[in-house]
C-alpha atoms as a PDB file:
ATOM      1  CA  MET A   1     -30.707 127.437 -65.274  1.00  0.00           C
ATOM      2  CA  SER A   2     -31.429 123.354 -64.793  1.00  0.00           C
ATOM      3  CA  SER A   3     -35.062 121.951 -65.805  1.00  0.00           C
ATOM      4  CA  ALA A   4     -35.749 121.627 -61.955  1.00  0.00           C
ATOM      5  CA  GLU A   5     -35.052 125.117 -61.313  1.00  0.00           C
ATOM      6  CA  ILE A   6     -37.583 126.153 -63.778  1.00  0.00           C
ATOM      7  CA  ARG A   7     -40.302 123.510 -62.646  1.00  0.00           C
ATOM      8  CA  GLY A   8     -39.711 125.454 -59.514  1.00  0.00           C
ATOM      9  CA  LYS A   9     -40.756 128.551 -60.747  1.00  0.00           C
ATOM     10  CA  LEU A  10     -43.691 127.327 -62.819  1.00  0.00           C
ATOM     11  CA  PRO A  11     -46.327 128.109 -60.346  1.00  0.00           C
ATOM     12  CA  LEU A  12     -45.172 131.958 -60.209  1.00  0.00           C
ATOM     13  CA  ILE A  13     -44.657 132.161 -64.355  1.00  0.00           C
ATOM     14  CA  LEU A  14     -48.481 130.508 -64.731  1.00  0.00           C
ATOM     15  CA  GLY A  15     -49.621 133.109 -61.722  1.00  0.00           C
ATOM     16  CA  LEU A  16     -48.446 136.227 -63.677  1.00  0.00           C
ATOM     17  CA  PHE A  17     -49.930 134.768 -67.294  1.00  0.00           C
ATOM     18  CA  ILE A  18     -53.145 134.141 -65.326  1.00  0.00           C
ATOM     19  CA  ALA A  19     -52.850 137.599 -63.859  1.00  0.00           C
ATOM     20  CA  ILE A  20     -52.382 139.263 -67.022  1.00  0.00           C
ATOM     21  CA  ILE A  21     -55.513 137.320 -68.403  1.00  0.00           C
ATOM     22  CA  LEU A  22     -57.608 138.598 -65.405  1.00  0.00           C
ATOM     23  CA  VAL A  23     -56.578 142.241 -66.463  1.00  0.00           C
ATOM     24  CA  THR A  24     -57.628 141.634 -70.076  1.00  0.00           C
ATOM     25  CA  ALA A  25     -60.955 139.850 -69.308  1.00  0.00           C
ATOM     26  CA  GLU A  26     -61.809 143.073 -67.086  1.00  0.00           C
ATOM     27  CA  VAL A  27     -60.731 145.227 -70.045  1.00  0.00           C
ATOM     28  CA  ASP A  28     -62.901 143.632 -72.447  1.00  0.00           C
ATOM     29  CA  TRP A  29     -65.964 143.961 -69.906  1.00  0.00           C
ATOM     30  CA  VAL A  30     -65.056 147.885 -69.723  1.00  0.00           C
ATOM     31  CA  ALA A  31     -65.018 147.967 -73.589  1.00  0.00           C
ATOM     32  CA  GLU A  32     -68.237 146.370 -74.069  1.00  0.00           C
ATOM     33  CA  HIS A  33     -70.041 148.008 -71.258  1.00  0.00           C
ATOM     34  CA  SER A  34     -69.729 151.770 -71.072  1.00  0.00           C
ATOM     35  CA  GLU A  35     -72.134 151.924 -67.835  1.00  0.00           C
ATOM     36  CA  VAL A  36     -68.997 150.968 -65.862  1.00  0.00           C
ATOM     37  CA  GLY A  37     -67.756 154.717 -66.222  1.00  0.00           C
ATOM     38  CA  LEU A  38     -64.789 156.462 -67.028  1.00  0.00           C
ATOM     39  CA  PHE A  39     -62.884 155.625 -63.664  1.00  0.00           C
ATOM     40  CA  LEU A  40     -63.140 152.032 -64.036  1.00  0.00           C
ATOM     41  CA  ARG A  41     -61.812 152.478 -67.752  1.00  0.00           C
ATOM     42  CA  PHE A  42     -59.047 154.327 -66.826  1.00  0.00           C
ATOM     43  CA  THR A  43     -58.159 152.365 -63.876  1.00  0.00           C
ATOM     44  CA  TRP A  44     -58.030 148.881 -65.999  1.00  0.00           C
ATOM     45  CA  LEU A  45     -55.838 150.575 -68.665  1.00  0.00           C
ATOM     46  CA  ILE A  46     -53.605 151.850 -66.280  1.00  0.00           C
ATOM     47  CA  ILE A  47     -53.267 148.334 -64.617  1.00  0.00           C
ATOM     48  CA  LEU A  48     -53.030 147.042 -68.177  1.00  0.00           C
ATOM     49  CA  LEU A  49     -50.225 149.126 -68.945  1.00  0.00           C
ATOM     50  CA  SER A  50     -48.579 148.437 -65.550  1.00  0.00           C
ATOM     51  CA  VAL A  51     -48.394 144.659 -65.878  1.00  0.00           C
ATOM     52  CA  GLY A  52     -47.062 145.159 -69.472  1.00  0.00           C
ATOM     53  CA  ILE A  53     -44.124 147.326 -68.016  1.00  0.00           C
ATOM     54  CA  ILE A  54     -43.290 145.347 -64.885  1.00  0.00           C
ATOM     55  CA  PHE A  55     -44.064 141.808 -65.418  1.00  0.00           C
ATOM     56  CA  PRO A  56     -41.068 141.801 -68.015  1.00  0.00           C
ATOM     57  CA  LEU A  57     -38.855 143.070 -65.535  1.00  0.00           C
ATOM     58  CA  ILE A  58     -39.764 140.543 -62.850  1.00  0.00           C
ATOM     59  CA  PHE A  59     -38.820 137.975 -65.607  1.00  0.00           C
ATOM     60  CA  ILE A  60     -35.236 139.079 -65.500  1.00  0.00           C
ATOM     61  CA  TYR A  61     -34.911 138.233 -61.717  1.00  0.00           C
ATOM     62  CA  LEU A  62     -36.684 134.823 -62.421  1.00  0.00           C
ATOM     63  CA  ALA A  63     -34.152 133.707 -64.861  1.00  0.00           C
ATOM     64  CA  GLY A  64     -31.521 134.607 -62.320  1.00  0.00           C
ATOM     65  CA  ASN A  65     -30.220 137.988 -63.961  1.00  0.00           C
ATOM     66  CA  ASN A  66     -27.125 136.247 -65.047  1.00  0.00           C
ATOM     67  CA  ILE A  67     -24.611 136.803 -67.908  1.00  0.00           C
ATOM     68  CA  ARG A  68     -24.741 134.409 -70.547  1.00  0.00           C
ATOM     69  CA  VAL A  69     -21.859 133.754 -73.064  1.00  0.00           C
ATOM     70  CA  ARG A  70     -22.598 134.645 -76.640  1.00  0.00           C
ATOM     71  CA  LYS A  71     -21.779 132.498 -79.356  1.00  0.00           C
ATOM     72  CA  GLU A  72     -20.655 133.419 -83.196  1.00  0.00           C
ATOM     73  CA  SER A  73     -23.575 132.650 -84.697  1.00  0.00           C
ATOM     74  CA  ASP A  74     -25.794 134.869 -82.328  1.00  0.00           C
ATOM     75  CA  LYS A  75     -25.765 137.966 -84.888  1.00  0.00           C
ATOM     76  CA  LYS A  76     -26.786 135.690 -87.841  1.00  0.00           C
ATOM     77  CA  TRP A  77     -29.744 134.191 -85.882  1.00  0.00           C
ATOM     78  CA  PHE A  78     -30.543 137.767 -84.395  1.00  0.00           C
ATOM     79  CA  ILE A  79     -30.896 139.174 -87.992  1.00  0.00           C
ATOM     80  CA  LEU A  80     -32.539 136.157 -89.303  1.00  0.00           C
ATOM     81  CA  SER A  81     -34.996 136.448 -86.480  1.00  0.00           C
ATOM     82  CA  LEU A  82     -35.860 140.054 -87.199  1.00  0.00           C
ATOM     83  CA  VAL A  83     -36.373 139.307 -91.030  1.00  0.00           C
ATOM     84  CA  LEU A  84     -38.752 136.340 -89.922  1.00  0.00           C
ATOM     85  CA  TYR A  85     -40.467 138.716 -87.507  1.00  0.00           C
ATOM     86  CA  GLY A  86     -41.122 141.095 -90.619  1.00  0.00           C
ATOM     87  CA  ILE A  87     -42.355 138.381 -92.575  1.00  0.00           C
ATOM     88  CA  ALA A  88     -44.845 137.173 -89.922  1.00  0.00           C
ATOM     89  CA  ASN A  89     -46.510 140.778 -89.447  1.00  0.00           C
ATOM     90  CA  GLY A  90     -47.631 140.286 -93.007  1.00  0.00           C
ATOM     91  CA  ILE A  91     -49.734 137.128 -91.950  1.00  0.00           C
ATOM     92  CA  PRO A  92     -52.767 138.815 -90.533  1.00  0.00           C
ATOM     93  CA  PRO A  93     -53.214 141.636 -93.257  1.00  0.00           C
ATOM     94  CA  PHE A  94     -53.003 139.126 -95.365  1.00  0.00           C
ATOM     95  CA  PHE A  95     -56.019 137.339 -94.056  1.00  0.00           C
ATOM     96  CA  TYR A  96     -57.931 139.913 -92.827  1.00  0.00           C
ATOM     97  CA  ILE A  97     -57.614 142.309 -95.752  1.00  0.00           C
ATOM     98  CA  TYR A  98     -56.898 140.599 -98.741  1.00  0.00           C
ATOM     99  CA  LEU A  99     -58.962 136.932 -98.066  1.00  0.00           C
ATOM    100  CA  LYS A 100     -61.374 138.620 -95.745  1.00  0.00           C
ATOM    101  CA  ILE A 101     -61.082 135.840 -93.293  1.00  0.00           C
ATOM    102  CA  SER A 102     -59.185 135.263 -90.087  1.00  0.00           C
ATOM    103  CA  PRO A 103     -55.626 133.644 -90.022  1.00  0.00           C
ATOM    104  CA  GLY A 104     -56.890 130.463 -88.309  1.00  0.00           C
ATOM    105  CA  PHE A 105     -53.728 128.139 -87.211  1.00  0.00           C
ATOM    106  CA  PHE A 106     -51.525 130.488 -89.383  1.00  0.00           C
ATOM    107  CA  LEU A 107     -51.907 132.722 -86.224  1.00  0.00           C
ATOM    108  CA  PHE A 108     -49.742 130.107 -84.163  1.00  0.00           C
ATOM    109  CA  LEU A 109     -46.913 130.157 -87.123  1.00  0.00           C
ATOM    110  CA  GLN A 110     -46.895 133.990 -86.783  1.00  0.00           C
ATOM    111  CA  LEU A 111     -46.340 133.869 -82.947  1.00  0.00           C
ATOM    112  CA  GLY A 112     -43.479 131.250 -83.555  1.00  0.00           C
ATOM    113  CA  LEU A 113     -42.124 133.493 -85.659  1.00  0.00           C
ATOM    114  CA  PHE A 114     -42.598 136.585 -83.243  1.00  0.00           C
ATOM    115  CA  GLY A 115     -41.019 134.331 -80.475  1.00  0.00           C
ATOM    116  CA  LEU A 116     -37.579 133.945 -82.527  1.00  0.00           C
ATOM    117  CA  VAL A 117     -36.596 137.505 -81.454  1.00  0.00           C
ATOM    118  CA  PRO A 118     -36.915 137.160 -77.712  1.00  0.00           C
ATOM    119  CA  ALA A 119     -34.940 133.821 -78.458  1.00  0.00           C
ATOM    120  CA  PHE A 120     -31.992 135.345 -80.275  1.00  0.00           C
ATOM    121  CA  ILE A 121     -31.955 139.209 -79.017  1.00  0.00           C
ATOM    122  CA  TYR A 122     -28.624 139.842 -77.425  1.00  0.00           C
ATOM    123  CA  GLN A 123     -27.977 140.135 -73.748  1.00  0.00           C
ATOM    124  CA  PRO A 124     -26.563 143.437 -72.437  1.00  0.00           C
ATOM    125  CA  ILE A 125     -23.664 142.689 -70.195  1.00  0.00           C
ATOM    126  CA  ASN A 126     -24.379 145.788 -68.115  1.00  0.00           C
ATOM    127  CA  PRO A 127     -27.114 144.367 -65.478  1.00  0.00           C
ATOM    128  CA  LYS A 128     -28.335 148.193 -65.474  1.00  0.00           C
ATOM    129  CA  ASN A 129     -28.758 148.494 -69.346  1.00  0.00           C
ATOM    130  CA  ARG A 130     -31.003 145.152 -69.393  1.00  0.00           C
ATOM    131  CA  PHE A 131     -33.530 146.955 -67.198  1.00  0.00           C
ATOM    132  CA  LEU A 132     -33.142 150.347 -68.999  1.00  0.00           C
ATOM    133  CA  ILE A 133     -33.586 148.967 -72.598  1.00  0.00           C
ATOM    134  CA  LEU A 134     -36.557 146.838 -71.471  1.00  0.00           C
ATOM    135  CA  ILE A 135     -38.076 149.605 -69.895  1.00  0.00           C
ATOM    136  CA  ILE A 136     -37.811 151.831 -72.894  1.00  0.00           C
ATOM    137  CA  LEU A 137     -38.977 149.287 -75.112  1.00  0.00           C
ATOM    138  CA  SER A 138     -41.982 148.695 -73.173  1.00  0.00           C
ATOM    139  CA  ILE A 139     -42.785 152.441 -72.564  1.00  0.00           C
ATOM    140  CA  VAL A 140     -42.136 153.243 -76.413  1.00  0.00           C
ATOM    141  CA  VAL A 141     -44.366 150.306 -77.524  1.00  0.00           C
ATOM    142  CA  LEU A 142     -47.375 149.949 -74.816  1.00  0.00           C
ATOM    143  CA  ILE A 143     -47.786 153.940 -73.987  1.00  0.00           C
ATOM    144  CA  PRO A 144     -48.964 154.431 -77.375  1.00  0.00           C
ATOM    145  CA  LEU A 145     -50.865 151.250 -77.649  1.00  0.00           C
ATOM    146  CA  THR A 146     -52.645 152.134 -74.419  1.00  0.00           C
ATOM    147  CA  ILE A 147     -53.650 155.486 -75.800  1.00  0.00           C
ATOM    148  CA  LEU A 148     -55.094 154.001 -79.116  1.00  0.00           C
ATOM    149  CA  LEU A 149     -56.765 151.384 -77.052  1.00  0.00           C
ATOM    150  CA  ASN A 150     -58.260 154.137 -74.976  1.00  0.00           C
ATOM    151  CA  ILE A 151     -59.592 155.916 -78.162  1.00  0.00           C
ATOM    152  CA  ILE A 152     -61.003 152.651 -79.735  1.00  0.00           C
ATOM    153  CA  ILE A 153     -62.806 152.026 -76.378  1.00  0.00           C
ATOM    154  CA  ASP A 154     -64.250 155.397 -76.492  1.00  0.00           C
ATOM    155  CA  SER A 155     -65.632 154.956 -80.016  1.00  0.00           C
ATOM    156  CA  LEU A 156     -67.328 151.400 -79.107  1.00  0.00           C
ATOM    157  CA  TRP A 157     -68.745 153.550 -76.212  1.00  0.00           C
ATOM    158  CA  ILE A 158     -70.204 155.999 -78.763  1.00  0.00           C
ATOM    159  CA  ASN A 159     -71.180 153.379 -80.979  1.00  0.00           C
ATOM    160  CA  PRO A 160     -71.783 150.065 -79.567  1.00  0.00           C
ATOM    161  CA  LEU A 161     -72.854 148.668 -82.827  1.00  0.00           C
ATOM    162  CA  MET A 162     -69.447 149.631 -84.982  1.00  0.00           C
ATOM    163  CA  ASP A 163     -67.252 146.845 -86.088  1.00  0.00           C
ATOM    164  CA  LYS A 164     -64.875 145.684 -83.307  1.00  0.00           C
ATOM    165  CA  THR A 165     -61.977 144.170 -85.595  1.00  0.00           C
ATOM    166  CA  ILE A 166     -59.795 147.441 -84.944  1.00  0.00           C
ATOM    167  CA  TYR A 167     -60.471 146.703 -81.345  1.00  0.00           C
ATOM    168  CA  TYR A 168     -59.306 143.238 -81.586  1.00  0.00           C
ATOM    169  CA  LEU A 169     -56.392 143.902 -83.770  1.00  0.00           C
ATOM    170  CA  VAL A 170     -54.907 146.473 -81.248  1.00  0.00           C
ATOM    171  CA  PHE A 171     -55.742 144.571 -78.315  1.00  0.00           C
ATOM    172  CA  TRP A 172     -55.132 140.927 -78.940  1.00  0.00           C
ATOM    173  CA  GLY A 173     -53.063 141.228 -82.115  1.00  0.00           C
ATOM    174  CA  PHE A 174     -50.498 143.837 -80.625  1.00  0.00           C
ATOM    175  CA  PHE A 175     -51.030 144.805 -76.989  1.00  0.00           C
ATOM    176  CA  SER A 176     -51.390 141.427 -75.550  1.00  0.00           C
ATOM    177  CA  VAL A 177     -48.786 140.195 -77.943  1.00  0.00           C
ATOM    178  CA  PHE A 178     -45.981 142.759 -76.690  1.00  0.00           C
ATOM    179  CA  ILE A 179     -46.666 141.995 -73.028  1.00  0.00           C
ATOM    180  CA  TYR A 180     -45.404 138.287 -73.678  1.00  0.00           C
ATOM    181  CA  PHE A 181     -42.939 139.471 -76.272  1.00  0.00           C
ATOM    182  CA  PHE A 182     -41.403 141.624 -73.810  1.00  0.00           C
ATOM    183  CA  MET A 183     -41.460 139.004 -70.873  1.00  0.00           C
ATOM    184  CA  GLY A 184     -39.522 136.479 -73.373  1.00  0.00           C
ATOM    185  CA  ILE A 185     -36.899 138.934 -73.706  1.00  0.00           C
ATOM    186  CA  GLY A 186     -36.681 139.981 -70.085  1.00  0.00           C
ATOM    187  CA  TRP A 187     -36.030 136.029 -69.529  1.00  0.00           C
ATOM    188  CA  LYS A 188     -33.265 136.269 -72.376  1.00  0.00           C
ATOM    189  CA  PHE A 189     -32.031 139.402 -70.796  1.00  0.00           C
ATOM    190  CA  GLY A 190     -31.770 137.616 -67.298  1.00  0.00           C
ATOM    191  CA  GLY A 191     -29.467 135.027 -68.561  1.00  0.00           C
ATOM    192  CA  GLY A 192     -32.155 132.483 -69.883  1.00  0.00           C
ATOM    193  CA  LYS A 193     -31.589 129.946 -72.664  1.00  0.00           C
ATOM    194  CA  ARG A 194     -33.031 130.881 -76.234  1.00  0.00           C
ATOM    195  CA  ARG A 195     -35.337 128.069 -76.091  1.00  0.00           C
ATOM    196  CA  GLU A 196     -36.623 128.800 -72.768  1.00  0.00           C
ATOM    197  CA  SER A 197     -37.228 132.704 -73.807  1.00  0.00           C
ATOM    198  CA  TRP A 198     -39.385 131.212 -76.926  1.00  0.00           C
ATOM    199  CA  ASN A 199     -41.268 128.641 -74.492  1.00  0.00           C
ATOM    200  CA  ILE A 200     -42.253 131.530 -72.154  1.00  0.00           C
ATOM    201  CA  PHE A 201     -43.372 133.743 -75.326  1.00  0.00           C
ATOM    202  CA  MET A 202     -45.238 130.764 -77.037  1.00  0.00           C
ATOM    203  CA  SER A 203     -46.770 129.034 -73.924  1.00  0.00           C
ATOM    204  CA  GLY A 204     -48.154 132.555 -72.711  1.00  0.00           C
ATOM    205  CA  MET A 205     -49.662 133.185 -75.835  1.00  0.00           C
ATOM    206  CA  LEU A 206     -51.077 129.906 -76.188  1.00  0.00           C
ATOM    207  CA  ILE A 207     -52.848 130.337 -72.679  1.00  0.00           C
ATOM    208  CA  GLN A 208     -53.975 133.818 -73.744  1.00  0.00           C
ATOM    209  CA  PHE A 209     -55.792 132.582 -76.763  1.00  0.00           C
ATOM    210  CA  SER A 210     -57.061 129.334 -75.009  1.00  0.00           C
ATOM    211  CA  THR A 211     -60.628 130.771 -74.413  1.00  0.00           C
ATOM    212  CA  LEU A 212     -59.886 131.156 -70.869  1.00  0.00           C
ATOM    213  CA  GLU A 213     -60.203 135.066 -70.817  1.00  0.00           C
ATOM    214  CA  ASP A 214     -63.601 134.131 -72.520  1.00  0.00           C
ATOM    215  CA  PHE A 215     -64.648 132.203 -69.520  1.00  0.00           C
ATOM    216  CA  LEU A 216     -63.224 135.040 -66.913  1.00  0.00           C
ATOM    217  CA  TYR A 217     -64.911 137.713 -68.810  1.00  0.00           C
ATOM    218  CA  PHE A 218     -68.051 136.287 -67.407  1.00  0.00           C
ATOM    219  CA  ILE A 219     -67.127 134.720 -63.988  1.00  0.00           C
ATOM    220  CA  LEU A 220     -65.405 137.855 -62.938  1.00  0.00           C
ATOM    221  CA  ASN A 221     -68.358 140.218 -63.745  1.00  0.00           C
ATOM    222  CA  GLY A 222     -70.767 137.976 -62.258  1.00  0.00           C
ATOM    223  CA  GLU A 223     -72.322 136.825 -65.300  1.00  0.00           C
ATOM    224  CA  SER A 224     -73.704 133.368 -66.179  1.00  0.00           C
ATOM    225  CA  LEU A 225     -71.887 131.281 -69.025  1.00  0.00           C
ATOM    226  CA  PRO A 226     -74.070 131.963 -72.234  1.00  0.00           C
ATOM    227  CA  GLY A 227     -74.405 128.142 -72.995  1.00  0.00           C
ATOM    228  CA  ASN A 228     -73.568 128.518 -76.389  1.00  0.00           C
ATOM    229  CA  TRP A 229     -70.776 130.704 -78.149  1.00  0.00           C
ATOM    230  CA  PRO A 230     -71.643 131.700 -81.907  1.00  0.00           C
ATOM    231  CA  TRP A 231     -69.501 134.417 -81.693  1.00  0.00           C
ATOM    232  CA  MET A 232     -66.691 132.285 -81.902  1.00  0.00           C
ATOM    233  CA  SER A 233     -66.922 131.632 -85.448  1.00  0.00           C
ATOM    234  CA  ASN A 234     -65.029 135.046 -85.633  1.00  0.00           C
ATOM    235  CA  PHE A 235     -62.198 133.633 -83.215  1.00  0.00           C
ATOM    236  CA  VAL A 236     -58.917 133.395 -84.790  1.00  0.00           C
ATOM    237  CA  ILE A 237     -59.640 129.791 -85.175  1.00  0.00           C
ATOM    238  CA  ASN A 238     -63.237 129.440 -86.448  1.00  0.00           C
ATOM    239  CA  LEU A 239     -64.364 127.352 -83.720  1.00  0.00           C
ATOM    240  CA  GLU A 240     -67.975 126.472 -85.160  1.00  0.00           C
ATOM    241  CA  SER A 241     -66.209 124.869 -87.988  1.00  0.00           C
ATOM    242  CA  LEU A 242     -63.696 123.117 -85.802  1.00  0.00           C
ATOM    243  CA  PHE A 243     -66.603 121.507 -83.697  1.00  0.00           C
ATOM    244  CA  GLY A 244     -68.847 121.278 -86.372  1.00  0.00           C
ATOM    245  CA  HIS A 245     -71.712 123.365 -84.571  1.00  0.00           C
ATOM    246  CA  VAL A 246     -72.217 126.293 -82.314  1.00  0.00           C
ATOM    247  CA  PRO A 247     -69.627 125.745 -79.638  1.00  0.00           C
ATOM    248  CA  THR A 248     -71.175 125.024 -76.273  1.00  0.00           C
ATOM    249  CA  ASP A 249     -69.530 125.673 -72.807  1.00  0.00           C
ATOM    250  CA  LEU A 250     -68.398 122.529 -72.894  1.00  0.00           C
ATOM    251  CA  ASP A 251     -66.864 122.308 -76.208  1.00  0.00           C
ATOM    252  CA  LEU A 252     -65.173 125.640 -75.221  1.00  0.00           C
ATOM    253  CA  LEU A 253     -63.806 124.043 -71.957  1.00  0.00           C
ATOM    254  CA  ILE A 254     -62.653 121.558 -74.007  1.00  0.00           C
ATOM    255  CA  PHE A 255     -60.626 123.419 -76.244  1.00  0.00           C
ATOM    256  CA  CYS A 256     -59.412 125.610 -73.443  1.00  0.00           C
ATOM    257  CA  VAL A 257     -58.093 122.677 -71.680  1.00  0.00           C
ATOM    258  CA  ILE A 258     -56.286 121.293 -74.622  1.00  0.00           C
ATOM    259  CA  MET A 259     -54.866 124.832 -75.313  1.00  0.00           C
ATOM    260  CA  ILE A 260     -53.208 125.041 -71.671  1.00  0.00           C
ATOM    261  CA  LEU A 261     -51.987 121.613 -71.744  1.00  0.00           C
ATOM    262  CA  ILE A 262     -50.034 122.502 -74.792  1.00  0.00           C
ATOM    263  CA  ALA A 263     -48.851 125.705 -73.428  1.00  0.00           C
ATOM    264  CA  LEU A 264     -47.536 123.565 -70.501  1.00  0.00           C
ATOM    265  CA  PHE A 265     -46.025 121.189 -72.441  1.00  0.00           C
ATOM    266  CA  ILE A 266     -43.842 124.003 -74.422  1.00  0.00           C
ATOM    267  CA  LEU A 267     -43.211 125.897 -71.160  1.00  0.00           C
ATOM    268  CA  LEU A 268     -41.693 122.618 -69.487  1.00  0.00           C
ATOM    269  CA  ASP A 269     -39.795 122.073 -72.785  1.00  0.00           C
ATOM    270  CA  GLY A 270     -41.481 118.576 -73.415  1.00  0.00           C
ATOM    271  CA  TYR A 271     -40.539 118.905 -77.028  1.00  0.00           C
ATOM    272  CA  GLY A 272     -37.040 119.718 -76.141  1.00  0.00           C
ATOM    273  CA  TYR A 273     -36.780 116.395 -73.796  1.00  0.00           C
ATOM    274  CA  ILE A 274     -38.345 114.344 -76.800  1.00  0.00           C
ATOM    275  CA  TRP A 275     -35.632 115.568 -79.196  1.00  0.00           C
ATOM    276  CA  ILE A 276     -32.803 114.895 -76.770  1.00  0.00           C
ATOM    277  CA  LYS A 277     -34.361 111.173 -76.408  1.00  0.00           C
ATOM    278  CA  ILE A 278     -34.720 110.599 -80.162  1.00  0.00           C
ATOM    279  CA  LYS A 279     -31.005 112.108 -80.426  1.00  0.00           C
ATOM    280  CA  GLN A 280     -29.954 109.461 -77.641  1.00  0.00           C
ATOM    281  CA  LYS A 281     -31.167 106.505 -79.549  1.00  0.00           C
ATOM    282  CA  LYS A 282     -29.413 107.610 -82.871  1.00  0.00           C
END
């Protein structure tokens, strides 16, 4: 698939990313507002689960559902990516449990290592197997996480003052990550290039963590923006330390725009273009 073809699919890819953020914003609202009732709670959780299963399958088609030729080095790179994935899983516990702080910018190192798995995973030759494996992966991972998330939300409704760390770890640290993780795998299964699969996972996660969801949390539910965001000191990146003061609406908007621009740069493979130009000059 050429760069021009990828750019042509850019609005649809971004639309899928935004759709996920809309759903996660509503799930966050439900988790903190028990008055919405059980019906809406289960509705949004089911929609979240459905998105996590269906969207990765869409990416198989977006990539063209073609066969890519395997290279001899693919096996070694895939094994290495699994090893690095395992190492990356130790980053949050090390920071949260041992250092008692959020991982900050190390989060993006973790995500970058995660993205190597979709980049180097084997593409099944049989088209039916591509869909079957992706469906099984999504169901086996996301259904238990949905059940766990529902249990945690139930606890939050009973005790609104409880520590929400476990909720954020399950919802933001696992569920949302695996949605984009499987979307990257879907792209690779559809015949997409390794770097493109990494780009899709990483750009999706950057937009998810751009604080766009925080704005939509208020806007979608008819609430005014708070003006100041003191709880952003507990964000994966301490935005209060980053700005030197409690972030305002404008500060958060600036951060959001910058993160989205970086995500677009990655999604359009801007760094790959720059690297090619550097090599040509040599």
